[in-house]
Amino acid sequence: MALRSIRQYKNDDIIPAKGKCAPSESLRLKAKGKPPEAPKDILRTRSEEVARVDDGLRELLEDMVTTMRAANGAGLAAVQIGVPRRAVVLENGGEVLKLINPVIIKASGEQLGMESCLSIPGVYGMVMRPERVVVKALDEYGKEMRLEGTASLARALCHEIDHLDGVLFIDKIVPGTRICNNDLSNPG
């Protein structure tokens, strides 16, 4: 298994509308110099559907699991390692989930919880998500599956599927709840 590089942005690269770490609904990311084969801002790009499930894709999914675990993450979308394809991995209660072309087909309820992202280290915020989701996807062998997630699994599924649509959790932070690492070391 290969350890992949997660595309990360420093706190200074996240530009709020007014001042550093100000709560804002119009956050954007500063361009960091594009990788050779990637668009200017791959994290803001809608990922393409996976056309074929094969050994290469299964190897990518395994690499993603290794990378996610090395970074102490709960989930990882392929786009976060520079591969703009609709594939995600998650770990929930010790079980690894590998989803290809996932789509939320049903969502209900609401839950408010703290989120962060491996691609934007040091930034946290409260995000409203559904309490329950049903996701349709392919498994790592191309078999169609449905997965129901509640509470933290529903949150993780929504967060990772958002990545596939170029949406980041910072776009959904409840105003006034955004915290940056430097805010934790400088109270007041």
Protein backbone atom coordinates (compact mmCIF):
# COMPACT_ATOMS: atom_id res chain seq x y z
CA MET A 1 0.00 0.00 0.00
CA ALA A 2 1.26 3.44 -0.87
CA LEU A 3 0.92 6.44 1.37
CA ARG A 4 -0.58 9.26 -0.68
CA SER A 5 -0.12 12.97 -0.16
CA ILE A 6 -3.22 14.79 1.08
CA ARG A 7 -3.76 18.18 -0.51
CA GLN A 8 -3.65 20.60 2.37
CA TYR A 9 -4.14 24.30 2.73
CA LYS A 10 -2.65 26.30 5.57
CA ASN A 11 -4.88 28.47 7.69
CA ASP A 12 -3.41 31.55 5.95
CA ASP A 13 -4.61 30.16 2.60
CA ILE A 14 -8.22 30.18 3.72
CA ILE A 15 -9.48 33.65 3.04
CA PRO A 16 -12.54 34.80 4.93
CA ALA A 17 -14.44 37.85 3.75
CA LYS A 18 -13.10 40.03 6.61
CA GLY A 19 -9.88 39.26 8.46
CA LYS A 20 -8.27 35.98 9.49
CA CYS A 21 -10.54 33.31 10.90
CA ALA A 22 -13.58 35.54 10.80
CA PRO A 23 -16.81 33.58 10.48
CA SER A 24 -18.01 33.95 6.94
CA GLU A 25 -20.16 32.23 4.41
CA SER A 26 -18.03 33.49 1.53
CA LEU A 27 -14.77 31.70 2.25
CA ARG A 28 -12.56 30.71 -0.64
CA LEU A 29 -9.13 29.14 -1.04
CA LYS A 30 -6.10 30.96 -2.38
CA ALA A 31 -4.46 29.17 -5.30
CA LYS A 32 -1.30 27.34 -4.16
CA GLY A 33 0.24 26.70 -7.58
CA LYS A 34 -1.38 23.94 -9.52
CA PRO A 35 -0.05 20.41 -9.69
CA PRO A 36 0.98 19.34 -13.22
CA GLU A 37 -2.17 17.43 -14.19
CA ALA A 38 -4.65 18.99 -11.79
CA PRO A 39 -7.02 21.94 -12.27
CA LYS A 40 -6.21 25.20 -10.45
CA ASP A 41 -8.14 24.18 -7.39
CA ILE A 42 -8.92 20.49 -7.49
CA LEU A 43 -10.74 20.53 -4.14
CA ARG A 44 -13.31 22.88 -5.69
CA THR A 45 -13.83 20.67 -8.74
CA ARG A 46 -16.72 18.23 -9.14
CA SER A 47 -15.20 14.75 -9.35
CA GLU A 48 -15.94 12.51 -12.32
CA GLU A 49 -17.87 9.27 -11.99
CA VAL A 50 -15.85 6.07 -11.96
CA ALA A 51 -16.58 4.24 -15.22
CA ARG A 52 -14.94 0.91 -14.42
CA VAL A 53 -14.20 -0.92 -11.19
CA ASP A 54 -10.94 -2.82 -11.57
CA ASP A 55 -7.72 -3.76 -9.76
CA GLY A 56 -6.30 -0.26 -10.27
CA LEU A 57 -9.28 1.29 -8.50
CA ARG A 58 -9.10 -1.27 -5.68
CA GLU A 59 -5.41 -0.40 -5.24
CA LEU A 60 -6.31 3.30 -5.10
CA LEU A 61 -8.96 2.58 -2.43
CA GLU A 62 -6.42 0.63 -0.34
CA ASP A 63 -3.92 3.49 -0.69
CA MET A 64 -6.65 5.88 0.46
CA VAL A 65 -7.33 3.75 3.56
CA THR A 66 -3.60 3.70 4.38
CA THR A 67 -3.38 7.48 3.89
CA MET A 68 -6.52 8.16 5.93
CA ARG A 69 -5.26 6.06 8.84
CA ALA A 70 -1.77 7.60 8.73
CA ALA A 71 -3.41 11.03 9.01
CA ASN A 72 -5.75 9.87 11.81
CA GLY A 73 -8.76 10.69 9.67
CA ALA A 74 -12.27 9.25 9.70
CA GLY A 75 -12.76 9.58 5.95
CA LEU A 76 -11.02 10.53 2.72
CA ALA A 77 -12.24 11.39 -0.77
CA ALA A 78 -10.09 10.56 -3.81
CA VAL A 79 -10.01 14.23 -4.79
CA GLN A 80 -8.17 14.99 -1.53
CA ILE A 81 -5.17 13.05 -2.84
CA GLY A 82 -5.35 14.62 -6.28
CA VAL A 83 -7.57 12.05 -8.01
CA PRO A 84 -10.82 13.74 -9.13
CA ARG A 85 -12.92 10.56 -9.19
CA ARG A 86 -16.07 9.79 -7.20
CA ALA A 87 -14.59 7.42 -4.61
CA VAL A 88 -14.44 7.72 -0.82
CA VAL A 89 -13.26 5.64 2.10
CA LEU A 90 -14.48 5.92 5.69
CA GLU A 91 -13.78 4.13 8.93
CA ASN A 92 -16.70 3.73 11.31
CA GLY A 93 -16.52 1.64 14.47
CA GLY A 94 -13.50 -0.27 13.13
CA GLU A 95 -15.25 -1.09 9.84
CA VAL A 96 -13.75 0.30 6.63
CA LEU A 97 -16.23 1.43 4.01
CA LYS A 98 -15.14 1.86 0.38
CA LEU A 99 -17.74 3.64 -1.75
CA ILE A 100 -17.64 4.28 -5.49
CA ASN A 101 -19.96 6.82 -7.11
CA PRO A 102 -21.85 7.41 -3.84
CA VAL A 103 -25.11 9.36 -3.96
CA ILE A 104 -27.28 10.42 -1.03
CA ILE A 105 -30.76 9.22 -1.98
CA LYS A 106 -32.53 10.05 1.28
CA ALA A 107 -31.80 12.39 4.17
CA SER A 108 -33.81 13.22 7.28
CA GLY A 109 -33.51 15.01 10.59
CA GLU A 110 -30.83 17.45 11.65
CA GLN A 111 -27.73 17.35 13.79
CA LEU A 112 -25.26 20.08 14.65
CA GLY A 113 -21.68 19.01 15.26
CA MET A 114 -18.04 20.02 15.12
CA GLU A 115 -16.16 19.20 11.91
CA SER A 116 -12.66 19.51 10.57
CA CYS A 117 -10.91 18.30 7.43
CA LEU A 118 -7.58 16.65 6.61
CA SER A 119 -7.23 19.10 3.70
CA ILE A 120 -7.65 22.17 5.92
CA PRO A 121 -5.70 21.35 9.09
CA GLY A 122 -6.24 23.48 12.16
CA VAL A 123 -9.69 24.78 11.21
CA TYR A 124 -12.84 23.56 12.98
CA GLY A 125 -16.45 24.62 12.98
CA MET A 126 -20.01 23.62 13.75
CA VAL A 127 -21.86 22.26 10.71
CA MET A 128 -25.52 21.28 10.36
CA ARG A 129 -25.95 17.85 8.73
CA PRO A 130 -28.79 15.34 8.38
CA GLU A 131 -29.22 12.96 11.32
CA ARG A 132 -29.86 10.05 8.93
CA VAL A 133 -28.87 9.40 5.31
CA VAL A 134 -29.27 6.56 2.87
CA VAL A 135 -26.48 6.30 0.29
CA LYS A 136 -26.46 4.32 -2.93
CA ALA A 137 -23.00 3.35 -4.21
CA LEU A 138 -20.90 0.61 -5.72
CA ASP A 139 -18.62 -1.45 -3.50
CA GLU A 140 -14.99 -2.17 -4.39
CA TYR A 141 -16.11 -5.03 -6.67
CA GLY A 142 -18.66 -3.00 -8.60
CA LYS A 143 -21.71 -4.42 -6.82
CA GLU A 144 -24.49 -1.92 -6.08
CA MET A 145 -25.12 -1.35 -2.40
CA ARG A 146 -27.21 0.82 -0.10
CA LEU A 147 -25.90 2.06 3.19
CA GLU A 148 -27.82 3.74 5.98
CA GLY A 149 -25.90 6.05 8.26
CA THR A 150 -27.04 7.86 11.38
CA ALA A 151 -25.29 10.30 13.73
CA SER A 152 -21.51 10.35 13.14
CA LEU A 153 -21.65 8.03 10.11
CA ALA A 154 -24.29 10.24 8.46
CA ARG A 155 -22.04 13.27 9.13
CA ALA A 156 -18.96 11.55 7.67
CA LEU A 157 -20.85 10.36 4.58
CA CYS A 158 -22.15 13.87 3.90
CA HIS A 159 -18.71 15.44 4.47
CA GLU A 160 -16.94 13.05 2.07
CA ILE A 161 -19.65 13.14 -0.61
CA ASP A 162 -19.55 16.95 -0.44
CA HIS A 163 -15.84 16.71 -1.38
CA LEU A 164 -16.85 14.89 -4.56
CA ASP A 165 -18.98 17.91 -5.52
CA GLY A 166 -16.25 20.46 -4.75
CA VAL A 167 -17.91 21.52 -1.49
CA LEU A 168 -15.83 21.94 1.67
CA PHE A 169 -17.03 21.95 5.26
CA ILE A 170 -15.90 25.58 5.57
CA ASP A 171 -18.71 26.44 3.15
CA LYS A 172 -21.24 25.15 5.68
CA ILE A 173 -19.84 26.35 9.00
CA VAL A 174 -22.48 27.99 11.18
CA PRO A 175 -21.52 31.67 11.48
CA GLY A 176 -19.68 32.47 14.69
CA THR A 177 -18.49 28.89 15.32
CA ARG A 178 -15.30 28.81 13.24
CA ILE A 179 -12.16 28.06 15.26
CA CYS A 180 -8.58 28.13 13.99
CA ASN A 181 -5.63 26.45 15.73
CA ASN A 182 -4.14 29.83 16.60
CA ASP A 183 -7.42 30.76 18.32
CA LEU A 184 -6.93 27.83 20.72
CA SER A 185 -3.44 28.97 21.74
CA ASN A 186 -4.44 32.65 22.15
CA PRO A 187 -7.66 32.71 24.17
CA GLY A 188 -9.52 35.96 24.37
